[in-house]
Amino acid sequence: MKIFYSPECLKYSSPGHPESPVRAQYTYEHLEKNGYSFTEPKPCSDGDILLAHTPHLLESVRSGEFIDMDTPSYPGIYDIARLSAGAAIEAAMHCLNNNEKAFSLMRPPGHHATKNDLGGFCYFNNIVIASMKANPGKVAIVDFDCHHGNGTEDIVMGKKDFLYISQHQSPLYPGTGTSSRDNCINYPLSASTTPEEFLSVFKEGLKKVEEFAPDLLAVSAGFDSYRLDPITNLSLELETYHGIGKALAALNKPTFSVLEGGYSRDLPECVLQYLTGLEG
């Protein structure tokens, strides 16, 4: 398992904001203790960003001239967001070129960033930028974050070489993903969904992936569906993430994952369980 990480992603924060540096820092430390090694990524180019986003969004983040309470204009956020997207690209290319799974342990996350707008802690859509840059043919994006990836859906909707599968709590921010359209298949779940029910629905979605027969499997790995997450209401257990990883590994496809949400103190162990399941 190749893991891409840079301590540069720890260099922004707001007091009390759930998307804090410790989520990445503590996860890095936990994975290192468990024998994982890390590769320092390089930032993506503006051209890479424009594969998925409009010049308007690019310039907004570069200049810092935007206002979003959840997604602040931090000093240096443009460079850090480019680094996060760059790590996703390197993870995608690594799994395609080396027949080895890869994971981007970076922040900011990305799946709420639409073609033209940032939001939901996300500046650029890492998973889509990486998938479009890799351009292997057909790409299936599987998103198991507790929140619907409205940005990913906005960008890939109608693109015949993309399949988007999202399983998420509903109702919940951002209020999208209540139904399926075209190549975007959504599984909205009530807060009362059990871990067993979650895995059952997840495997149903993976059957759609098998039918699509992608050349690349891209995973938006969000861990805010964990039972102790402070901002959501699902009840997944640590072992549920191991099961998610195993189910994805069973597809036997070139697979890369990027970190999305996950705000509990147990995020490091959630990620470890997922990676060990993904490794088979």
C-alpha atoms as a PDB file:
ATOM      1  CA  MET A   1       0.000   0.000   0.000  1.00  0.00           C
ATOM      2  CA  LYS A   2       1.497   3.324  -1.098  1.00  0.00           C
ATOM      3  CA  ILE A   3       0.402   6.231   1.116  1.00  0.00           C
ATOM      4  CA  PHE A   4       0.892   9.846   0.061  1.00  0.00           C
ATOM      5  CA  TYR A   5       1.230  12.364   2.889  1.00  0.00           C
ATOM      6  CA  SER A   6       2.854  15.722   3.581  1.00  0.00           C
ATOM      7  CA  PRO A   7       2.960  17.643   6.885  1.00  0.00           C
ATOM      8  CA  GLU A   8       2.276  20.742   4.781  1.00  0.00           C
ATOM      9  CA  CYS A   9      -1.406  19.793   4.976  1.00  0.00           C
ATOM     10  CA  LEU A  10      -1.335  20.542   8.722  1.00  0.00           C
ATOM     11  CA  LYS A  11      -0.600  24.224   8.173  1.00  0.00           C
ATOM     12  CA  TYR A  12      -4.111  25.649   8.321  1.00  0.00           C
ATOM     13  CA  SER A  13      -6.817  25.595  10.957  1.00  0.00           C
ATOM     14  CA  SER A  14      -9.600  27.508  12.693  1.00  0.00           C
ATOM     15  CA  PRO A  15     -10.391  27.203  16.400  1.00  0.00           C
ATOM     16  CA  GLY A  16     -13.229  24.740  16.880  1.00  0.00           C
ATOM     17  CA  HIS A  17     -13.421  23.735  13.220  1.00  0.00           C
ATOM     18  CA  PRO A  18     -13.953  19.963  12.898  1.00  0.00           C
ATOM     19  CA  GLU A  19     -11.740  19.715   9.797  1.00  0.00           C
ATOM     20  CA  SER A  20      -8.606  20.173  11.871  1.00  0.00           C
ATOM     21  CA  PRO A  21      -4.925  19.269  11.404  1.00  0.00           C
ATOM     22  CA  VAL A  22      -5.030  16.588  14.099  1.00  0.00           C
ATOM     23  CA  ARG A  23      -7.216  14.343  11.916  1.00  0.00           C
ATOM     24  CA  ALA A  24      -4.371  13.904   9.446  1.00  0.00           C
ATOM     25  CA  GLN A  25      -1.534  14.159  11.979  1.00  0.00           C
ATOM     26  CA  TYR A  26      -2.848  11.506  14.375  1.00  0.00           C
ATOM     27  CA  THR A  27      -3.764   9.201  11.497  1.00  0.00           C
ATOM     28  CA  TYR A  28      -0.259   9.538  10.077  1.00  0.00           C
ATOM     29  CA  GLU A  29       1.254   8.712  13.478  1.00  0.00           C
ATOM     30  CA  HIS A  30      -1.047   5.716  13.975  1.00  0.00           C
ATOM     31  CA  LEU A  31      -0.328   4.277  10.543  1.00  0.00           C
ATOM     32  CA  GLU A  32       3.406   4.797  10.991  1.00  0.00           C
ATOM     33  CA  LYS A  33       3.285   2.855  14.278  1.00  0.00           C
ATOM     34  CA  ASN A  34       1.569   0.058  12.392  1.00  0.00           C
ATOM     35  CA  GLY A  35       4.354  -0.255   9.857  1.00  0.00           C
ATOM     36  CA  TYR A  36       3.186   1.951   6.990  1.00  0.00           C
ATOM     37  CA  SER A  37       5.604   4.193   5.115  1.00  0.00           C
ATOM     38  CA  PHE A  38       4.816   7.424   3.307  1.00  0.00           C
ATOM     39  CA  THR A  39       5.676   9.283   0.130  1.00  0.00           C
ATOM     40  CA  GLU A  40       5.737  13.063  -0.105  1.00  0.00           C
ATOM     41  CA  PRO A  41       3.468  14.298  -2.929  1.00  0.00           C
ATOM     42  CA  LYS A  42       3.933  17.210  -5.286  1.00  0.00           C
ATOM     43  CA  PRO A  43       1.305  19.890  -5.970  1.00  0.00           C
ATOM     44  CA  CYS A  44      -0.839  19.604  -9.053  1.00  0.00           C
ATOM     45  CA  SER A  45      -0.788  22.229 -11.800  1.00  0.00           C
ATOM     46  CA  ASP A  46      -3.449  24.799 -12.631  1.00  0.00           C
ATOM     47  CA  GLY A  47      -4.097  22.795 -15.773  1.00  0.00           C
ATOM     48  CA  ASP A  48      -4.891  19.752 -13.651  1.00  0.00           C
ATOM     49  CA  ILE A  49      -7.405  21.756 -11.625  1.00  0.00           C
ATOM     50  CA  LEU A  50      -9.050  23.038 -14.808  1.00  0.00           C
ATOM     51  CA  LEU A  51      -9.772  19.464 -15.870  1.00  0.00           C
ATOM     52  CA  ALA A  52     -12.574  19.508 -13.284  1.00  0.00           C
ATOM     53  CA  HIS A  53     -13.167  23.152 -12.382  1.00  0.00           C
ATOM     54  CA  THR A  54     -13.846  26.507 -13.976  1.00  0.00           C
ATOM     55  CA  PRO A  55     -11.277  29.305 -14.120  1.00  0.00           C
ATOM     56  CA  HIS A  56     -13.589  31.215 -11.765  1.00  0.00           C
ATOM     57  CA  LEU A  57     -13.114  28.700  -8.953  1.00  0.00           C
ATOM     58  CA  LEU A  58      -9.382  28.434  -9.566  1.00  0.00           C
ATOM     59  CA  GLU A  59      -8.935  32.197  -9.354  1.00  0.00           C
ATOM     60  CA  SER A  60     -11.200  32.461  -6.304  1.00  0.00           C
ATOM     61  CA  VAL A  61      -9.047  30.031  -4.342  1.00  0.00           C
ATOM     62  CA  ARG A  62      -5.795  31.502  -5.649  1.00  0.00           C
ATOM     63  CA  SER A  63      -6.778  35.042  -4.651  1.00  0.00           C
ATOM     64  CA  GLY A  64      -8.575  34.085  -1.445  1.00  0.00           C
ATOM     65  CA  GLU A  65     -11.465  36.290  -2.520  1.00  0.00           C
ATOM     66  CA  PHE A  66     -14.357  34.137  -1.410  1.00  0.00           C
ATOM     67  CA  ILE A  67     -16.585  33.894   1.646  1.00  0.00           C
ATOM     68  CA  ASP A  68     -17.756  30.554   3.032  1.00  0.00           C
ATOM     69  CA  MET A  69     -18.218  29.981   6.764  1.00  0.00           C
ATOM     70  CA  ASP A  70     -17.424  26.252   6.532  1.00  0.00           C
ATOM     71  CA  THR A  71     -14.587  26.696   4.044  1.00  0.00           C
ATOM     72  CA  PRO A  72     -12.539  29.712   5.156  1.00  0.00           C
ATOM     73  CA  SER A  73     -10.019  31.680   3.148  1.00  0.00           C
ATOM     74  CA  TYR A  74      -6.926  30.563   5.046  1.00  0.00           C
ATOM     75  CA  PRO A  75      -3.497  32.020   4.235  1.00  0.00           C
ATOM     76  CA  GLY A  76      -1.759  29.667   1.815  1.00  0.00           C
ATOM     77  CA  ILE A  77      -4.814  27.476   1.221  1.00  0.00           C
ATOM     78  CA  TYR A  78      -4.378  27.583  -2.561  1.00  0.00           C
ATOM     79  CA  ASP A  79      -0.977  25.882  -2.354  1.00  0.00           C
ATOM     80  CA  ILE A  80      -2.133  23.354   0.241  1.00  0.00           C
ATOM     81  CA  ALA A  81      -5.242  22.495  -1.796  1.00  0.00           C
ATOM     82  CA  ARG A  82      -3.038  22.014  -4.891  1.00  0.00           C
ATOM     83  CA  LEU A  83      -0.855  19.666  -2.843  1.00  0.00           C
ATOM     84  CA  SER A  84      -3.884  17.649  -1.718  1.00  0.00           C
ATOM     85  CA  ALA A  85      -5.070  17.312  -5.303  1.00  0.00           C
ATOM     86  CA  GLY A  86      -1.536  16.448  -6.383  1.00  0.00           C
ATOM     87  CA  ALA A  87      -1.395  13.630  -3.837  1.00  0.00           C
ATOM     88  CA  ALA A  88      -4.646  12.224  -5.249  1.00  0.00           C
ATOM     89  CA  ILE A  89      -3.177  12.334  -8.771  1.00  0.00           C
ATOM     90  CA  GLU A  90      -0.031  10.533  -7.648  1.00  0.00           C
ATOM     91  CA  ALA A  91      -2.119   7.897  -5.866  1.00  0.00           C
ATOM     92  CA  ALA A  92      -4.158   7.316  -9.041  1.00  0.00           C
ATOM     93  CA  MET A  93      -1.098   7.055 -11.251  1.00  0.00           C
ATOM     94  CA  HIS A  94       0.704   4.777  -8.810  1.00  0.00           C
ATOM     95  CA  CYS A  95      -2.091   2.210  -8.679  1.00  0.00           C
ATOM     96  CA  LEU A  96      -2.396   2.200 -12.459  1.00  0.00           C
ATOM     97  CA  ASN A  97       1.335   1.872 -13.088  1.00  0.00           C
ATOM     98  CA  ASN A  98       2.355  -0.464 -10.268  1.00  0.00           C
ATOM     99  CA  ASN A  99      -0.619  -2.752  -9.654  1.00  0.00           C
ATOM    100  CA  GLU A 100      -0.592  -1.626  -6.024  1.00  0.00           C
ATOM    101  CA  LYS A 101      -3.331   0.126  -4.066  1.00  0.00           C
ATOM    102  CA  ALA A 102      -2.697   3.696  -2.964  1.00  0.00           C
ATOM    103  CA  PHE A 103      -4.147   6.110  -0.410  1.00  0.00           C
ATOM    104  CA  SER A 104      -3.913   9.892  -0.111  1.00  0.00           C
ATOM    105  CA  LEU A 105      -3.815  10.930   3.545  1.00  0.00           C
ATOM    106  CA  MET A 106      -4.191  14.632   2.865  1.00  0.00           C
ATOM    107  CA  ARG A 107      -6.405  17.579   3.634  1.00  0.00           C
ATOM    108  CA  PRO A 108      -8.361  19.542   2.564  1.00  0.00           C
ATOM    109  CA  PRO A 109     -10.900  16.976   1.366  1.00  0.00           C
ATOM    110  CA  GLY A 110     -12.636  17.514  -1.960  1.00  0.00           C
ATOM    111  CA  HIS A 111     -15.956  15.855  -2.767  1.00  0.00           C
ATOM    112  CA  HIS A 112     -18.129  18.935  -2.042  1.00  0.00           C
ATOM    113  CA  ALA A 113     -16.242  21.154  -4.513  1.00  0.00           C
ATOM    114  CA  THR A 114     -18.394  21.572  -7.649  1.00  0.00           C
ATOM    115  CA  LYS A 115     -17.268  22.774 -11.070  1.00  0.00           C
ATOM    116  CA  ASN A 116     -17.645  26.393 -10.051  1.00  0.00           C
ATOM    117  CA  ASP A 117     -17.906  26.530  -6.244  1.00  0.00           C
ATOM    118  CA  LEU A 118     -16.041  25.459  -3.144  1.00  0.00           C
ATOM    119  CA  GLY A 119     -17.831  24.437   0.045  1.00  0.00           C
ATOM    120  CA  GLY A 120     -18.172  21.865   2.797  1.00  0.00           C
ATOM    121  CA  PHE A 121     -14.481  22.131   3.817  1.00  0.00           C
ATOM    122  CA  CYS A 122     -13.484  21.440   0.168  1.00  0.00           C
ATOM    123  CA  TYR A 123     -11.623  23.753  -2.256  1.00  0.00           C
ATOM    124  CA  PHE A 124     -10.797  21.506  -5.227  1.00  0.00           C
ATOM    125  CA  ASN A 125     -12.314  18.106  -6.003  1.00  0.00           C
ATOM    126  CA  ASN A 126      -9.325  15.828  -5.486  1.00  0.00           C
ATOM    127  CA  ILE A 127     -10.957  12.568  -6.546  1.00  0.00           C
ATOM    128  CA  VAL A 128     -12.273  13.947  -9.846  1.00  0.00           C
ATOM    129  CA  ILE A 129      -9.109  15.858 -10.699  1.00  0.00           C
ATOM    130  CA  ALA A 130      -7.071  12.683 -10.155  1.00  0.00           C
ATOM    131  CA  SER A 131      -9.480  10.510 -12.129  1.00  0.00           C
ATOM    132  CA  MET A 132      -9.537  12.899 -15.075  1.00  0.00           C
ATOM    133  CA  LYS A 133      -5.771  13.339 -15.021  1.00  0.00           C
ATOM    134  CA  ALA A 134      -5.205   9.567 -14.970  1.00  0.00           C
ATOM    135  CA  ASN A 135      -7.665   9.195 -17.869  1.00  0.00           C
ATOM    136  CA  PRO A 136      -7.446   5.386 -18.005  1.00  0.00           C
ATOM    137  CA  GLY A 137     -10.712   4.846 -19.876  1.00  0.00           C
ATOM    138  CA  LYS A 138     -13.642   4.108 -17.568  1.00  0.00           C
ATOM    139  CA  VAL A 139     -13.612   5.268 -13.938  1.00  0.00           C
ATOM    140  CA  ALA A 140     -15.967   4.259 -11.131  1.00  0.00           C
ATOM    141  CA  ILE A 141     -15.991   6.610  -8.148  1.00  0.00           C
ATOM    142  CA  VAL A 142     -17.303   5.024  -4.954  1.00  0.00           C
ATOM    143  CA  ASP A 143     -18.058   7.478  -2.143  1.00  0.00           C
ATOM    144  CA  PHE A 144     -18.836   6.137   1.339  1.00  0.00           C
ATOM    145  CA  ASP A 145     -18.572   9.451   3.193  1.00  0.00           C
ATOM    146  CA  CYS A 146     -21.568  10.170   5.430  1.00  0.00           C
ATOM    147  CA  HIS A 147     -22.327  13.262   3.320  1.00  0.00           C
ATOM    148  CA  HIS A 148     -23.338  13.188  -0.319  1.00  0.00           C
ATOM    149  CA  GLY A 149     -20.548  14.215  -2.685  1.00  0.00           C
ATOM    150  CA  ASN A 150     -22.525  16.914  -4.457  1.00  0.00           C
ATOM    151  CA  GLY A 151     -19.370  18.301  -6.047  1.00  0.00           C
ATOM    152  CA  THR A 152     -18.352  14.990  -7.550  1.00  0.00           C
ATOM    153  CA  GLU A 153     -21.856  14.425  -8.890  1.00  0.00           C
ATOM    154  CA  ASP A 154     -21.956  17.935 -10.363  1.00  0.00           C
ATOM    155  CA  ILE A 155     -18.716  17.395 -12.286  1.00  0.00           C
ATOM    156  CA  VAL A 156     -19.179  13.849 -13.586  1.00  0.00           C
ATOM    157  CA  MET A 157     -22.939  13.890 -14.269  1.00  0.00           C
ATOM    158  CA  GLY A 158     -23.590  12.734 -17.840  1.00  0.00           C
ATOM    159  CA  LYS A 159     -19.985  11.702 -18.551  1.00  0.00           C
ATOM    160  CA  LYS A 160     -20.290   8.250 -20.114  1.00  0.00           C
ATOM    161  CA  ASP A 161     -16.838   7.135 -18.964  1.00  0.00           C
ATOM    162  CA  PHE A 162     -17.686   7.801 -15.309  1.00  0.00           C
ATOM    163  CA  LEU A 163     -19.902   6.010 -12.815  1.00  0.00           C
ATOM    164  CA  TYR A 164     -20.538   7.660  -9.447  1.00  0.00           C
ATOM    165  CA  ILE A 165     -21.888   5.645  -6.504  1.00  0.00           C
ATOM    166  CA  SER A 166     -22.644   7.476  -3.246  1.00  0.00           C
ATOM    167  CA  GLN A 167     -23.972   6.026  -0.002  1.00  0.00           C
ATOM    168  CA  HIS A 168     -24.779   8.696   2.566  1.00  0.00           C
ATOM    169  CA  GLN A 169     -27.006   9.812   5.410  1.00  0.00           C
ATOM    170  CA  SER A 170     -30.115  11.713   4.341  1.00  0.00           C
ATOM    171  CA  PRO A 171     -31.358  14.220   5.306  1.00  0.00           C
ATOM    172  CA  LEU A 172     -27.978  15.806   5.980  1.00  0.00           C
ATOM    173  CA  TYR A 173     -25.708  18.477   4.486  1.00  0.00           C
ATOM    174  CA  PRO A 174     -25.619  19.322   1.577  1.00  0.00           C
ATOM    175  CA  GLY A 175     -29.192  18.096   1.036  1.00  0.00           C
ATOM    176  CA  THR A 176     -28.475  16.515  -2.359  1.00  0.00           C
ATOM    177  CA  GLY A 177     -28.279  12.875  -3.422  1.00  0.00           C
ATOM    178  CA  THR A 178     -31.880  11.999  -2.666  1.00  0.00           C
ATOM    179  CA  SER A 179     -32.337  10.218  -5.991  1.00  0.00           C
ATOM    180  CA  SER A 180     -30.289   8.700  -8.805  1.00  0.00           C
ATOM    181  CA  ARG A 181     -29.828  10.290 -12.221  1.00  0.00           C
ATOM    182  CA  ASP A 182     -28.002   9.185 -15.336  1.00  0.00           C
ATOM    183  CA  ASN A 183     -24.571   7.830 -14.346  1.00  0.00           C
ATOM    184  CA  CYS A 184     -24.862   8.952 -10.694  1.00  0.00           C
ATOM    185  CA  ILE A 185     -26.396   6.348  -8.385  1.00  0.00           C
ATOM    186  CA  ASN A 186     -27.323   7.463  -4.883  1.00  0.00           C
ATOM    187  CA  TYR A 187     -28.229   5.445  -1.821  1.00  0.00           C
ATOM    188  CA  PRO A 188     -29.658   7.854   0.773  1.00  0.00           C
ATOM    189  CA  LEU A 189     -29.788   6.226   4.220  1.00  0.00           C
ATOM    190  CA  SER A 190     -31.687   7.146   7.370  1.00  0.00           C
ATOM    191  CA  ALA A 191     -29.810   7.843  10.593  1.00  0.00           C
ATOM    192  CA  SER A 192     -31.183   4.556  11.984  1.00  0.00           C
ATOM    193  CA  THR A 193     -29.283   2.467   9.408  1.00  0.00           C
ATOM    194  CA  THR A 194     -27.315  -0.314  11.113  1.00  0.00           C
ATOM    195  CA  PRO A 195     -23.741  -1.293  10.188  1.00  0.00           C
ATOM    196  CA  GLU A 196     -25.071  -4.534   8.701  1.00  0.00           C
ATOM    197  CA  GLU A 197     -27.601  -2.668   6.576  1.00  0.00           C
ATOM    198  CA  PHE A 198     -24.915  -0.207   5.479  1.00  0.00           C
ATOM    199  CA  LEU A 199     -22.649  -3.006   4.255  1.00  0.00           C
ATOM    200  CA  SER A 200     -25.536  -4.707   2.476  1.00  0.00           C
ATOM    201  CA  VAL A 201     -26.387  -1.542   0.557  1.00  0.00           C
ATOM    202  CA  PHE A 202     -22.687  -0.915  -0.101  1.00  0.00           C
ATOM    203  CA  LYS A 203     -22.304  -4.323  -1.733  1.00  0.00           C
ATOM    204  CA  GLU A 204     -25.416  -3.640  -3.809  1.00  0.00           C
ATOM    205  CA  GLY A 205     -23.709  -0.532  -5.160  1.00  0.00           C
ATOM    206  CA  LEU A 206     -20.567  -2.499  -5.940  1.00  0.00           C
ATOM    207  CA  LYS A 207     -22.614  -4.770  -8.190  1.00  0.00           C
ATOM    208  CA  LYS A 208     -23.250  -1.666 -10.317  1.00  0.00           C
ATOM    209  CA  VAL A 209     -19.511  -1.089 -10.395  1.00  0.00           C
ATOM    210  CA  GLU A 210     -18.911  -4.660 -11.577  1.00  0.00           C
ATOM    211  CA  GLU A 211     -21.438  -4.208 -14.380  1.00  0.00           C
ATOM    212  CA  PHE A 212     -19.729  -0.973 -15.424  1.00  0.00           C
ATOM    213  CA  ALA A 213     -16.338  -2.776 -15.590  1.00  0.00           C
ATOM    214  CA  PRO A 214     -14.117   0.238 -14.864  1.00  0.00           C
ATOM    215  CA  ASP A 215     -10.451   0.502 -15.685  1.00  0.00           C
ATOM    216  CA  LEU A 216      -9.875   2.439 -12.450  1.00  0.00           C
ATOM    217  CA  LEU A 217     -11.648   2.420  -9.093  1.00  0.00           C
ATOM    218  CA  ALA A 218     -11.502   5.747  -7.229  1.00  0.00           C
ATOM    219  CA  VAL A 219     -12.709   5.829  -3.622  1.00  0.00           C
ATOM    220  CA  SER A 220     -13.818   8.855  -1.639  1.00  0.00           C
ATOM    221  CA  ALA A 221     -13.062   7.424   1.785  1.00  0.00           C
ATOM    222  CA  GLY A 222     -15.032   9.292   4.425  1.00  0.00           C
ATOM    223  CA  PHE A 223     -15.178   8.035   8.011  1.00  0.00           C
ATOM    224  CA  ASP A 224     -17.818  10.365   9.438  1.00  0.00           C
ATOM    225  CA  SER A 225     -20.380   7.545   9.368  1.00  0.00           C
ATOM    226  CA  TYR A 226     -18.601   6.163  12.458  1.00  0.00           C
ATOM    227  CA  ARG A 227     -20.808   5.892  15.542  1.00  0.00           C
ATOM    228  CA  LEU A 228     -18.777   8.405  17.578  1.00  0.00           C
ATOM    229  CA  ASP A 229     -18.435  11.044  14.880  1.00  0.00           C
ATOM    230  CA  PRO A 230     -19.449  14.420  16.353  1.00  0.00           C
ATOM    231  CA  ILE A 231     -21.233  15.908  13.322  1.00  0.00           C
ATOM    232  CA  THR A 232     -23.256  12.980  11.900  1.00  0.00           C
ATOM    233  CA  ASN A 233     -25.680  10.305  13.077  1.00  0.00           C
ATOM    234  CA  LEU A 234     -24.849   6.948  11.489  1.00  0.00           C
ATOM    235  CA  SER A 235     -23.499   4.137  13.673  1.00  0.00           C
ATOM    236  CA  LEU A 236     -20.774   2.255  11.821  1.00  0.00           C
ATOM    237  CA  GLU A 237     -18.282   0.279  13.900  1.00  0.00           C
ATOM    238  CA  LEU A 238     -14.537   0.051  13.375  1.00  0.00           C
ATOM    239  CA  GLU A 239     -14.908  -3.391  11.808  1.00  0.00           C
ATOM    240  CA  THR A 240     -17.409  -1.981   9.312  1.00  0.00           C
ATOM    241  CA  TYR A 241     -14.566  -0.116   7.606  1.00  0.00           C
ATOM    242  CA  HIS A 242     -12.575  -3.339   7.402  1.00  0.00           C
ATOM    243  CA  GLY A 243     -15.580  -4.862   5.640  1.00  0.00           C
ATOM    244  CA  ILE A 244     -15.811  -1.909   3.257  1.00  0.00           C
ATOM    245  CA  GLY A 245     -12.156  -2.345   2.352  1.00  0.00           C
ATOM    246  CA  LYS A 246     -12.565  -6.093   1.787  1.00  0.00           C
ATOM    247  CA  ALA A 247     -15.604  -5.561  -0.440  1.00  0.00           C
ATOM    248  CA  LEU A 248     -13.689  -3.067  -2.580  1.00  0.00           C
ATOM    249  CA  ALA A 249     -10.646  -5.346  -2.781  1.00  0.00           C
ATOM    250  CA  ALA A 250     -12.853  -8.163  -4.050  1.00  0.00           C
ATOM    251  CA  LEU A 251     -13.518  -6.143  -7.229  1.00  0.00           C
ATOM    252  CA  ASN A 252      -9.865  -6.728  -8.144  1.00  0.00           C
ATOM    253  CA  LYS A 253      -9.451  -3.356  -9.869  1.00  0.00           C
ATOM    254  CA  PRO A 254      -6.652  -0.771  -9.769  1.00  0.00           C
ATOM    255  CA  THR A 255      -7.792   1.184  -6.714  1.00  0.00           C
ATOM    256  CA  PHE A 256      -6.829   4.456  -5.101  1.00  0.00           C
ATOM    257  CA  SER A 257      -8.517   6.184  -2.194  1.00  0.00           C
ATOM    258  CA  VAL A 258      -8.518   9.730  -0.876  1.00  0.00           C
ATOM    259  CA  LEU A 259      -9.428  10.914   2.606  1.00  0.00           C
ATOM    260  CA  GLU A 260     -12.688  12.842   2.795  1.00  0.00           C
ATOM    261  CA  GLY A 261     -14.528  13.291   6.127  1.00  0.00           C
ATOM    262  CA  GLY A 262     -14.102  11.733   9.556  1.00  0.00           C
ATOM    263  CA  TYR A 263     -13.888  13.849  12.707  1.00  0.00           C
ATOM    264  CA  SER A 264     -13.900  11.492  15.684  1.00  0.00           C
ATOM    265  CA  ARG A 265     -10.925  10.728  17.900  1.00  0.00           C
ATOM    266  CA  ASP A 266     -10.971   7.199  16.467  1.00  0.00           C
ATOM    267  CA  LEU A 267     -10.343   8.312  12.876  1.00  0.00           C
ATOM    268  CA  PRO A 268      -6.812   6.830  12.876  1.00  0.00           C
ATOM    269  CA  GLU A 269      -8.144   3.367  13.736  1.00  0.00           C
ATOM    270  CA  CYS A 270     -11.040   3.727  11.258  1.00  0.00           C
ATOM    271  CA  VAL A 271      -8.504   4.381   8.504  1.00  0.00           C
ATOM    272  CA  LEU A 272      -6.272   1.507   9.623  1.00  0.00           C
ATOM    273  CA  GLN A 273      -9.221  -0.898   9.564  1.00  0.00           C
ATOM    274  CA  TYR A 274     -10.155   0.264   6.079  1.00  0.00           C
ATOM    275  CA  LEU A 275      -6.619  -0.088   4.704  1.00  0.00           C
ATOM    276  CA  THR A 276      -6.087  -3.558   6.162  1.00  0.00           C
ATOM    277  CA  GLY A 277      -9.400  -4.669   4.643  1.00  0.00           C
ATOM    278  CA  LEU A 278      -8.452  -3.133   1.309  1.00  0.00           C
ATOM    279  CA  GLU A 279      -5.134  -4.988   1.348  1.00  0.00           C
ATOM    280  CA  GLY A 280      -7.013  -8.273   1.659  1.00  0.00           C
END
